[in-house]
Amino acid sequence: MGEIRLHEGELNVMELLWSNKVLAAKDIAKIIKEYIGWEKNTTYTVIKRLIDKGAIIREDPGFLCKAAISKQSVQRIETKVLLDKLFNGSLNTFLVEYISNEPLQQTEVMELRRILSQHA
């Protein structure tokens, strides 16, 4: 399976599944209507698109939906796309730019040092 790219609306549905493991499509539609205001047909269209992409597995009876991809895999893909698009794929360029504009807390610096020492 190739890399699955998700847009913001699709991520709304996936976040529900990552939090709840399994949800009926009708329940997803109710929650999305309450928090985002989408009509049922809109949510069902997005669910269908996610099934077609391979991001959701549908089980019957009950049109139960389960995430077929992890949040971590989506984060990895989207992070790589963002780095490639905005920073020519350079993590270093991104970090320098980010840290120059968003000073890190001491705890964040310590955590980065810990991570770097494990991967050095």
N, C-alpha and C. Protein backbone atom coordinates (compact mmCIF):
# COMPACT_ATOMS: atom_id res chain seq x y z
N MET A 1 0.86 -1.19 0.00
CA MET A 1 0.00 0.00 0.00
C MET A 1 0.89 1.24 0.00
N GLY A 2 0.58 2.21 -0.87
CA GLY A 2 1.34 3.44 -0.94
C GLY A 2 1.01 4.35 0.24
N GLU A 3 1.63 5.51 0.22
CA GLU A 3 1.39 6.47 1.29
C GLU A 3 -0.02 7.03 1.17
N ILE A 4 -0.73 7.02 2.28
CA ILE A 4 -2.09 7.57 2.30
C ILE A 4 -2.01 9.00 2.82
N ARG A 5 -2.47 9.93 1.99
CA ARG A 5 -2.53 11.34 2.39
C ARG A 5 -3.95 11.67 2.78
N LEU A 6 -4.11 12.41 3.87
CA LEU A 6 -5.43 12.78 4.37
C LEU A 6 -5.56 14.29 4.44
N HIS A 7 -6.73 14.80 4.06
CA HIS A 7 -6.96 16.24 4.22
C HIS A 7 -7.65 16.48 5.56
N GLU A 8 -7.81 17.74 5.91
CA GLU A 8 -8.29 18.10 7.25
C GLU A 8 -9.62 17.46 7.61
N GLY A 9 -10.57 17.47 6.69
CA GLY A 9 -11.86 16.87 6.97
C GLY A 9 -11.75 15.38 7.25
N GLU A 10 -10.90 14.70 6.49
CA GLU A 10 -10.69 13.28 6.72
C GLU A 10 -10.01 13.04 8.06
N LEU A 11 -9.12 13.93 8.43
CA LEU A 11 -8.45 13.80 9.74
C LEU A 11 -9.43 13.91 10.89
N ASN A 12 -10.48 14.73 10.73
CA ASN A 12 -11.51 14.83 11.78
C ASN A 12 -12.14 13.47 12.05
N VAL A 13 -12.46 12.75 11.00
CA VAL A 13 -13.07 11.42 11.13
C VAL A 13 -12.05 10.44 11.72
N MET A 14 -10.82 10.49 11.23
CA MET A 14 -9.79 9.57 11.72
C MET A 14 -9.49 9.79 13.20
N GLU A 15 -9.47 11.04 13.63
CA GLU A 15 -9.22 11.33 15.06
C GLU A 15 -10.25 10.62 15.94
N LEU A 16 -11.50 10.62 15.51
CA LEU A 16 -12.54 9.92 16.27
C LEU A 16 -12.24 8.42 16.34
N LEU A 17 -11.82 7.85 15.23
CA LEU A 17 -11.54 6.41 15.22
C LEU A 17 -10.28 6.08 16.00
N TRP A 18 -9.27 6.94 15.93
CA TRP A 18 -8.06 6.69 16.72
C TRP A 18 -8.37 6.75 18.21
N SER A 19 -9.30 7.59 18.60
CA SER A 19 -9.67 7.72 20.03
C SER A 19 -10.61 6.61 20.49
N ASN A 20 -11.49 6.16 19.60
CA ASN A 20 -12.56 5.24 20.00
C ASN A 20 -12.42 3.82 19.48
N LYS A 21 -11.42 3.55 18.66
CA LYS A 21 -11.17 2.22 18.08
C LYS A 21 -12.21 1.79 17.05
N VAL A 22 -13.47 1.65 17.44
CA VAL A 22 -14.53 1.23 16.51
C VAL A 22 -15.75 2.11 16.74
N LEU A 23 -16.31 2.63 15.65
CA LEU A 23 -17.54 3.42 15.74
C LEU A 23 -18.42 3.08 14.54
N ALA A 24 -19.72 3.05 14.77
CA ALA A 24 -20.67 2.92 13.66
C ALA A 24 -20.66 4.24 12.88
N ALA A 25 -20.84 4.14 11.58
CA ALA A 25 -20.86 5.35 10.74
C ALA A 25 -21.90 6.35 11.23
N LYS A 26 -23.06 5.83 11.67
CA LYS A 26 -24.12 6.75 12.14
C LYS A 26 -23.66 7.53 13.38
N ASP A 27 -22.87 6.89 14.23
CA ASP A 27 -22.36 7.58 15.42
C ASP A 27 -21.28 8.61 15.06
N ILE A 28 -20.45 8.25 14.09
CA ILE A 28 -19.46 9.22 13.59
C ILE A 28 -20.20 10.45 13.07
N ALA A 29 -21.26 10.22 12.28
CA ALA A 29 -22.02 11.32 11.70
C ALA A 29 -22.64 12.21 12.78
N LYS A 30 -23.18 11.59 13.85
CA LYS A 30 -23.77 12.37 14.95
C LYS A 30 -22.73 13.25 15.63
N ILE A 31 -21.56 12.67 15.93
CA ILE A 31 -20.50 13.41 16.62
C ILE A 31 -19.99 14.55 15.74
N ILE A 32 -19.76 14.25 14.47
CA ILE A 32 -19.24 15.27 13.54
C ILE A 32 -20.26 16.40 13.37
N LYS A 33 -21.55 16.06 13.31
CA LYS A 33 -22.58 17.10 13.19
C LYS A 33 -22.54 18.02 14.41
N GLU A 34 -22.41 17.41 15.58
CA GLU A 34 -22.41 18.20 16.82
C GLU A 34 -21.20 19.13 16.91
N TYR A 35 -20.02 18.63 16.53
CA TYR A 35 -18.80 19.42 16.72
C TYR A 35 -18.39 20.25 15.52
N ILE A 36 -18.72 19.78 14.31
CA ILE A 36 -18.27 20.48 13.11
C ILE A 36 -19.44 21.04 12.30
N GLY A 37 -20.60 20.42 12.44
CA GLY A 37 -21.78 20.91 11.75
C GLY A 37 -22.04 20.26 10.41
N TRP A 38 -21.29 19.24 10.06
CA TRP A 38 -21.54 18.57 8.79
C TRP A 38 -22.85 17.81 8.83
N GLU A 39 -23.54 17.78 7.67
CA GLU A 39 -24.72 16.94 7.54
C GLU A 39 -24.26 15.48 7.36
N LYS A 40 -25.19 14.56 7.63
CA LYS A 40 -24.88 13.13 7.60
C LYS A 40 -24.28 12.72 6.24
N ASN A 41 -24.86 13.21 5.15
CA ASN A 41 -24.38 12.82 3.82
C ASN A 41 -22.92 13.21 3.60
N THR A 42 -22.53 14.38 4.11
CA THR A 42 -21.14 14.83 3.98
C THR A 42 -20.21 13.88 4.71
N THR A 43 -20.57 13.53 5.93
CA THR A 43 -19.74 12.61 6.73
C THR A 43 -19.65 11.25 6.06
N TYR A 44 -20.77 10.74 5.56
CA TYR A 44 -20.76 9.44 4.88
C TYR A 44 -19.88 9.47 3.63
N THR A 45 -19.90 10.58 2.91
CA THR A 45 -19.05 10.73 1.73
C THR A 45 -17.58 10.66 2.13
N VAL A 46 -17.22 11.34 3.22
CA VAL A 46 -15.83 11.33 3.70
C VAL A 46 -15.45 9.93 4.17
N ILE A 47 -16.35 9.26 4.88
CA ILE A 47 -16.08 7.88 5.33
C ILE A 47 -15.84 6.98 4.12
N LYS A 48 -16.69 7.10 3.10
CA LYS A 48 -16.53 6.29 1.89
C LYS A 48 -15.19 6.54 1.23
N ARG A 49 -14.78 7.81 1.15
CA ARG A 49 -13.50 8.16 0.56
C ARG A 49 -12.34 7.54 1.36
N LEU A 50 -12.48 7.55 2.69
CA LEU A 50 -11.44 6.96 3.55
C LEU A 50 -11.38 5.44 3.39
N ILE A 51 -12.52 4.81 3.19
CA ILE A 51 -12.55 3.36 2.93
C ILE A 51 -11.86 3.09 1.59
N ASP A 52 -12.19 3.89 0.57
CA ASP A 52 -11.58 3.71 -0.76
C ASP A 52 -10.06 3.90 -0.71
N LYS A 53 -9.58 4.82 0.14
CA LYS A 53 -8.15 5.07 0.27
C LYS A 53 -7.44 3.98 1.08
N GLY A 54 -8.21 3.18 1.80
CA GLY A 54 -7.61 2.16 2.65
C GLY A 54 -7.29 2.63 4.05
N ALA A 55 -7.84 3.79 4.45
CA ALA A 55 -7.59 4.33 5.78
C ALA A 55 -8.56 3.78 6.82
N ILE A 56 -9.74 3.35 6.36
CA ILE A 56 -10.78 2.81 7.24
C ILE A 56 -11.18 1.43 6.73
N ILE A 57 -11.42 0.51 7.68
CA ILE A 57 -11.99 -0.80 7.36
C ILE A 57 -13.45 -0.76 7.79
N ARG A 58 -14.34 -1.20 6.89
CA ARG A 58 -15.77 -1.26 7.19
C ARG A 58 -16.14 -2.69 7.54
N GLU A 59 -16.89 -2.85 8.62
CA GLU A 59 -17.39 -4.17 9.01
C GLU A 59 -18.90 -4.11 9.13
N ASP A 60 -19.55 -5.14 8.64
CA ASP A 60 -21.00 -5.24 8.76
C ASP A 60 -21.33 -6.44 9.65
N PRO A 61 -22.52 -6.51 10.25
CA PRO A 61 -23.59 -5.51 10.13
C PRO A 61 -23.29 -4.25 10.96
N GLY A 62 -23.98 -3.21 10.63
CA GLY A 62 -23.91 -1.99 11.42
C GLY A 62 -22.98 -0.92 10.88
N PHE A 63 -22.35 -1.16 9.69
CA PHE A 63 -21.45 -0.17 9.11
C PHE A 63 -20.47 0.33 10.17
N LEU A 64 -19.79 -0.66 10.81
CA LEU A 64 -18.79 -0.33 11.82
C LEU A 64 -17.50 0.07 11.13
N CYS A 65 -16.87 1.12 11.64
CA CYS A 65 -15.64 1.63 11.05
C CYS A 65 -14.49 1.49 12.03
N LYS A 66 -13.34 1.06 11.49
CA LYS A 66 -12.10 0.94 12.27
C LYS A 66 -10.98 1.59 11.48
N ALA A 67 -10.05 2.22 12.17
CA ALA A 67 -8.90 2.80 11.49
C ALA A 67 -8.01 1.66 10.98
N ALA A 68 -7.60 1.76 9.72
CA ALA A 68 -6.69 0.77 9.12
C ALA A 68 -5.25 1.29 9.12
N ILE A 69 -5.08 2.55 9.47
CA ILE A 69 -3.74 3.15 9.55
C ILE A 69 -3.61 3.84 10.89
N SER A 70 -2.40 3.90 11.40
CA SER A 70 -2.17 4.52 12.71
C SER A 70 -1.98 6.03 12.57
N LYS A 71 -2.23 6.72 13.65
CA LYS A 71 -2.01 8.16 13.69
C LYS A 71 -0.52 8.45 13.45
N GLN A 72 0.35 7.60 14.02
CA GLN A 72 1.79 7.80 13.87
C GLN A 72 2.22 7.71 12.40
N SER A 73 1.64 6.77 11.65
CA SER A 73 2.02 6.65 10.24
C SER A 73 1.57 7.87 9.45
N VAL A 74 0.40 8.40 9.76
CA VAL A 74 -0.08 9.62 9.10
C VAL A 74 0.81 10.80 9.46
N GLN A 75 1.19 10.90 10.74
CA GLN A 75 2.07 11.99 11.17
C GLN A 75 3.42 11.92 10.45
N ARG A 76 3.96 10.71 10.31
CA ARG A 76 5.24 10.53 9.61
C ARG A 76 5.15 11.00 8.16
N ILE A 77 4.11 10.55 7.47
CA ILE A 77 3.92 10.90 6.06
C ILE A 77 3.76 12.41 5.91
N GLU A 78 2.88 13.00 6.71
CA GLU A 78 2.60 14.44 6.58
C GLU A 78 3.81 15.29 6.97
N THR A 79 4.58 14.83 7.96
CA THR A 79 5.79 15.55 8.36
C THR A 79 6.80 15.54 7.22
N LYS A 80 6.97 14.38 6.59
CA LYS A 80 7.91 14.28 5.46
C LYS A 80 7.46 15.18 4.31
N VAL A 81 6.17 15.17 4.00
CA VAL A 81 5.64 16.01 2.92
C VAL A 81 5.89 17.49 3.24
N LEU A 82 5.63 17.88 4.48
CA LEU A 82 5.84 19.27 4.89
C LEU A 82 7.31 19.66 4.79
N LEU A 83 8.20 18.81 5.30
CA LEU A 83 9.63 19.10 5.22
C LEU A 83 10.08 19.21 3.76
N ASP A 84 9.61 18.28 2.92
CA ASP A 84 10.00 18.30 1.51
C ASP A 84 9.51 19.57 0.83
N LYS A 85 8.26 19.95 1.13
CA LYS A 85 7.63 21.09 0.46
C LYS A 85 8.22 22.43 0.91
N LEU A 86 8.41 22.60 2.21
CA LEU A 86 8.80 23.91 2.74
C LEU A 86 10.28 24.06 3.07
N PHE A 87 10.98 22.93 3.28
CA PHE A 87 12.37 23.02 3.75
C PHE A 87 13.30 22.13 2.92
N ASN A 88 12.93 21.85 1.66
CA ASN A 88 13.74 21.00 0.78
C ASN A 88 14.15 19.69 1.45
N GLY A 89 13.28 19.17 2.29
CA GLY A 89 13.54 17.89 2.94
C GLY A 89 14.55 17.95 4.07
N SER A 90 14.96 19.14 4.46
CA SER A 90 16.01 19.28 5.48
C SER A 90 15.41 19.50 6.87
N LEU A 91 15.56 18.49 7.71
CA LEU A 91 15.13 18.61 9.10
C LEU A 91 15.94 19.70 9.80
N ASN A 92 17.23 19.78 9.48
CA ASN A 92 18.10 20.78 10.07
C ASN A 92 17.61 22.20 9.80
N THR A 93 17.26 22.47 8.53
CA THR A 93 16.76 23.80 8.15
C THR A 93 15.48 24.11 8.91
N PHE A 94 14.58 23.12 8.99
CA PHE A 94 13.33 23.31 9.72
C PHE A 94 13.61 23.65 11.18
N LEU A 95 14.47 22.85 11.84
CA LEU A 95 14.73 23.06 13.27
C LEU A 95 15.34 24.43 13.53
N VAL A 96 16.29 24.84 12.71
CA VAL A 96 16.91 26.16 12.88
C VAL A 96 15.85 27.26 12.74
N GLU A 97 15.01 27.14 11.71
CA GLU A 97 13.96 28.13 11.48
C GLU A 97 12.97 28.15 12.64
N TYR A 98 12.54 26.97 13.08
CA TYR A 98 11.54 26.88 14.15
C TYR A 98 12.09 27.44 15.45
N ILE A 99 13.27 27.00 15.83
CA ILE A 99 13.85 27.42 17.12
C ILE A 99 14.17 28.91 17.11
N SER A 100 14.51 29.45 15.94
CA SER A 100 14.79 30.89 15.85
C SER A 100 13.55 31.72 16.16
N ASN A 101 12.37 31.17 15.84
CA ASN A 101 11.13 31.92 16.01
C ASN A 101 10.30 31.49 17.22
N GLU A 102 10.56 30.30 17.74
CA GLU A 102 9.80 29.76 18.88
C GLU A 102 10.79 29.25 19.92
N PRO A 103 11.23 30.11 20.83
CA PRO A 103 12.21 29.66 21.82
C PRO A 103 11.70 28.43 22.58
N LEU A 104 12.61 27.48 22.82
CA LEU A 104 12.26 26.24 23.51
C LEU A 104 12.32 26.43 25.02
N GLN A 105 11.45 25.71 25.72
CA GLN A 105 11.50 25.65 27.18
C GLN A 105 12.70 24.77 27.56
N GLN A 106 13.21 24.94 28.77
CA GLN A 106 14.34 24.14 29.23
C GLN A 106 14.02 22.64 29.18
N THR A 107 12.79 22.28 29.53
CA THR A 107 12.41 20.86 29.50
C THR A 107 12.43 20.32 28.07
N GLU A 108 12.06 21.15 27.09
CA GLU A 108 12.10 20.72 25.69
C GLU A 108 13.54 20.53 25.22
N VAL A 109 14.44 21.41 25.65
CA VAL A 109 15.86 21.29 25.30
C VAL A 109 16.41 19.99 25.88
N MET A 110 16.07 19.70 27.13
CA MET A 110 16.54 18.47 27.78
C MET A 110 16.01 17.24 27.05
N GLU A 111 14.75 17.27 26.65
CA GLU A 111 14.15 16.15 25.94
C GLU A 111 14.81 15.95 24.58
N LEU A 112 15.09 17.04 23.86
CA LEU A 112 15.78 16.94 22.58
C LEU A 112 17.18 16.36 22.75
N ARG A 113 17.89 16.79 23.79
CA ARG A 113 19.23 16.23 24.06
C ARG A 113 19.14 14.73 24.32
N ARG A 114 18.14 14.33 25.09
CA ARG A 114 17.97 12.91 25.41
C ARG A 114 17.71 12.10 24.13
N ILE A 115 16.81 12.61 23.30
CA ILE A 115 16.48 11.91 22.05
C ILE A 115 17.71 11.83 21.14
N LEU A 116 18.43 12.94 21.00
CA LEU A 116 19.61 12.97 20.14
C LEU A 116 20.69 12.02 20.64
N SER A 117 20.87 11.94 21.96
CA SER A 117 21.91 11.05 22.50
C SER A 117 21.55 9.58 22.24
N GLN A 118 20.26 9.26 22.18
CA GLN A 118 19.85 7.89 21.90
C GLN A 118 20.04 7.52 20.43
N HIS A 119 20.04 8.52 19.55
CA HIS A 119 20.13 8.25 18.11
C HIS A 119 21.47 8.67 17.50
N ALA A 120 22.41 9.03 18.34
CA ALA A 120 23.72 9.47 17.83
C ALA A 120 24.61 8.30 17.48
